[in-house]
Amino acid sequence: VGSYFPPFAIECFDKYDNRMQFTSIPELDVAITSRSCRQGTMVSHVDAPKVKLLSKGMILQVS
Protein backbone atom coordinates (compact mmCIF):
# COMPACT_ATOMS: atom_id res chain seq x y z
CA VAL A 1 0.00 0.00 0.00
CA GLY A 2 1.37 3.39 -0.87
CA SER A 3 0.45 6.98 -1.33
CA TYR A 4 1.59 9.56 -3.80
CA PHE A 5 2.68 12.97 -2.60
CA PRO A 6 3.69 15.53 -5.21
CA PRO A 7 7.23 16.94 -4.91
CA PHE A 8 7.57 20.08 -2.86
CA ALA A 9 10.07 22.90 -3.16
CA ILE A 10 12.07 24.69 -0.47
CA GLU A 11 13.76 28.05 -0.96
CA CYS A 12 16.37 29.66 1.27
CA PHE A 13 16.19 33.30 2.41
CA ASP A 14 18.55 35.45 4.47
CA LYS A 15 17.43 37.70 7.32
CA TYR A 16 16.74 40.52 4.82
CA ASP A 17 14.34 38.30 2.82
CA ASN A 18 16.75 37.90 -0.12
CA ARG A 19 16.77 34.52 -1.86
CA MET A 20 19.97 32.58 -1.28
CA GLN A 21 21.50 29.74 -3.24
CA PHE A 22 21.90 26.32 -1.59
CA THR A 23 25.61 25.47 -1.61
CA SER A 24 24.94 21.76 -1.02
CA ILE A 25 22.09 19.35 -0.37
CA PRO A 26 21.46 19.32 3.40
CA GLU A 27 20.76 16.19 5.41
CA LEU A 28 16.99 15.90 5.82
CA ASP A 29 14.67 14.10 8.21
CA VAL A 30 11.27 13.95 6.46
CA ALA A 31 8.04 13.08 8.28
CA ILE A 32 4.49 13.53 7.02
CA THR A 33 1.71 14.21 9.51
CA SER A 34 -1.98 13.72 8.78
CA ARG A 35 -4.83 14.53 11.12
CA SER A 36 -7.59 13.33 8.81
CA CYS A 37 -7.29 9.59 9.42
CA ARG A 38 -9.92 7.72 11.46
CA GLN A 39 -7.52 6.74 14.24
CA GLY A 40 -6.47 10.35 14.92
CA THR A 41 -3.09 11.78 13.99
CA MET A 42 -0.87 9.67 11.75
CA VAL A 43 2.86 10.27 11.29
CA SER A 44 4.79 8.64 8.47
CA HIS A 45 8.58 8.87 8.22
CA VAL A 46 10.19 8.92 4.77
CA ASP A 47 13.29 6.69 4.84
CA ALA A 48 15.02 7.80 1.64
CA PRO A 49 13.60 11.03 0.22
CA LYS A 50 14.73 12.00 -3.26
CA VAL A 51 16.34 15.43 -3.01
CA LYS A 52 17.80 17.56 -5.79
CA LEU A 53 18.77 21.15 -6.48
CA LEU A 54 16.95 23.05 -9.23
CA SER A 55 17.32 26.48 -10.85
CA LYS A 56 21.08 26.73 -10.28
CA GLY A 57 20.77 25.79 -6.61
CA MET A 58 17.99 28.26 -5.78
CA ILE A 59 15.36 25.55 -5.14
CA LEU A 60 15.65 22.33 -3.13
CA GLN A 61 13.10 19.79 -4.39
CA VAL A 62 12.03 16.90 -2.15
CA SER A 63 10.01 13.97 -3.49
C-alpha atoms as a PDB file:
ATOM      1  CA  VAL A   1       0.000   0.000   0.000  1.00  0.00           C
ATOM      2  CA  GLY A   2       1.366   3.386  -0.865  1.00  0.00           C
ATOM      3  CA  SER A   3       0.452   6.982  -1.329  1.00  0.00           C
ATOM      4  CA  TYR A   4       1.594   9.558  -3.804  1.00  0.00           C
ATOM      5  CA  PHE A   5       2.678  12.970  -2.602  1.00  0.00           C
ATOM      6  CA  PRO A   6       3.691  15.530  -5.205  1.00  0.00           C
ATOM      7  CA  PRO A   7       7.229  16.936  -4.910  1.00  0.00           C
ATOM      8  CA  PHE A   8       7.566  20.080  -2.856  1.00  0.00           C
ATOM      9  CA  ALA A   9      10.073  22.902  -3.157  1.00  0.00           C
ATOM     10  CA  ILE A  10      12.066  24.693  -0.470  1.00  0.00           C
ATOM     11  CA  GLU A  11      13.759  28.054  -0.958  1.00  0.00           C
ATOM     12  CA  CYS A  12      16.371  29.658   1.269  1.00  0.00           C
ATOM     13  CA  PHE A  13      16.195  33.302   2.407  1.00  0.00           C
ATOM     14  CA  ASP A  14      18.549  35.452   4.465  1.00  0.00           C
ATOM     15  CA  LYS A  15      17.433  37.698   7.317  1.00  0.00           C
ATOM     16  CA  TYR A  16      16.743  40.519   4.816  1.00  0.00           C
ATOM     17  CA  ASP A  17      14.343  38.301   2.824  1.00  0.00           C
ATOM     18  CA  ASN A  18      16.750  37.897  -0.120  1.00  0.00           C
ATOM     19  CA  ARG A  19      16.770  34.523  -1.856  1.00  0.00           C
ATOM     20  CA  MET A  20      19.968  32.579  -1.283  1.00  0.00           C
ATOM     21  CA  GLN A  21      21.498  29.736  -3.243  1.00  0.00           C
ATOM     22  CA  PHE A  22      21.896  26.324  -1.594  1.00  0.00           C
ATOM     23  CA  THR A  23      25.611  25.469  -1.605  1.00  0.00           C
ATOM     24  CA  SER A  24      24.935  21.761  -1.025  1.00  0.00           C
ATOM     25  CA  ILE A  25      22.092  19.353  -0.366  1.00  0.00           C
ATOM     26  CA  PRO A  26      21.455  19.322   3.397  1.00  0.00           C
ATOM     27  CA  GLU A  27      20.761  16.191   5.412  1.00  0.00           C
ATOM     28  CA  LEU A  28      16.995  15.904   5.824  1.00  0.00           C
ATOM     29  CA  ASP A  29      14.665  14.102   8.205  1.00  0.00           C
ATOM     30  CA  VAL A  30      11.274  13.946   6.465  1.00  0.00           C
ATOM     31  CA  ALA A  31       8.044  13.085   8.280  1.00  0.00           C
ATOM     32  CA  ILE A  32       4.488  13.525   7.018  1.00  0.00           C
ATOM     33  CA  THR A  33       1.707  14.206   9.512  1.00  0.00           C
ATOM     34  CA  SER A  34      -1.982  13.722   8.775  1.00  0.00           C
ATOM     35  CA  ARG A  35      -4.830  14.529  11.122  1.00  0.00           C
ATOM     36  CA  SER A  36      -7.585  13.334   8.806  1.00  0.00           C
ATOM     37  CA  CYS A  37      -7.292   9.590   9.416  1.00  0.00           C
ATOM     38  CA  ARG A  38      -9.919   7.718  11.459  1.00  0.00           C
ATOM     39  CA  GLN A  39      -7.519   6.745  14.243  1.00  0.00           C
ATOM     40  CA  GLY A  40      -6.473  10.346  14.915  1.00  0.00           C
ATOM     41  CA  THR A  41      -3.093  11.775  13.990  1.00  0.00           C
ATOM     42  CA  MET A  42      -0.868   9.667  11.752  1.00  0.00           C
ATOM     43  CA  VAL A  43       2.862  10.268  11.290  1.00  0.00           C
ATOM     44  CA  SER A  44       4.794   8.645   8.474  1.00  0.00           C
ATOM     45  CA  HIS A  45       8.578   8.868   8.217  1.00  0.00           C
ATOM     46  CA  VAL A  46      10.194   8.916   4.775  1.00  0.00           C
ATOM     47  CA  ASP A  47      13.289   6.693   4.844  1.00  0.00           C
ATOM     48  CA  ALA A  48      15.021   7.800   1.640  1.00  0.00           C
ATOM     49  CA  PRO A  49      13.600  11.030   0.225  1.00  0.00           C
ATOM     50  CA  LYS A  50      14.728  12.004  -3.263  1.00  0.00           C
ATOM     51  CA  VAL A  51      16.343  15.430  -3.010  1.00  0.00           C
ATOM     52  CA  LYS A  52      17.796  17.555  -5.790  1.00  0.00           C
ATOM     53  CA  LEU A  53      18.765  21.152  -6.479  1.00  0.00           C
ATOM     54  CA  LEU A  54      16.950  23.048  -9.234  1.00  0.00           C
ATOM     55  CA  SER A  55      17.322  26.479 -10.849  1.00  0.00           C
ATOM     56  CA  LYS A  56      21.082  26.734 -10.284  1.00  0.00           C
ATOM     57  CA  GLY A  57      20.765  25.795  -6.615  1.00  0.00           C
ATOM     58  CA  MET A  58      17.987  28.259  -5.783  1.00  0.00           C
ATOM     59  CA  ILE A  59      15.358  25.548  -5.137  1.00  0.00           C
ATOM     60  CA  LEU A  60      15.645  22.333  -3.132  1.00  0.00           C
ATOM     61  CA  GLN A  61      13.097  19.785  -4.391  1.00  0.00           C
ATOM     62  CA  VAL A  62      12.030  16.903  -2.146  1.00  0.00           C
ATOM     63  CA  SER A  63      10.011  13.970  -3.487  1.00  0.00           C
END
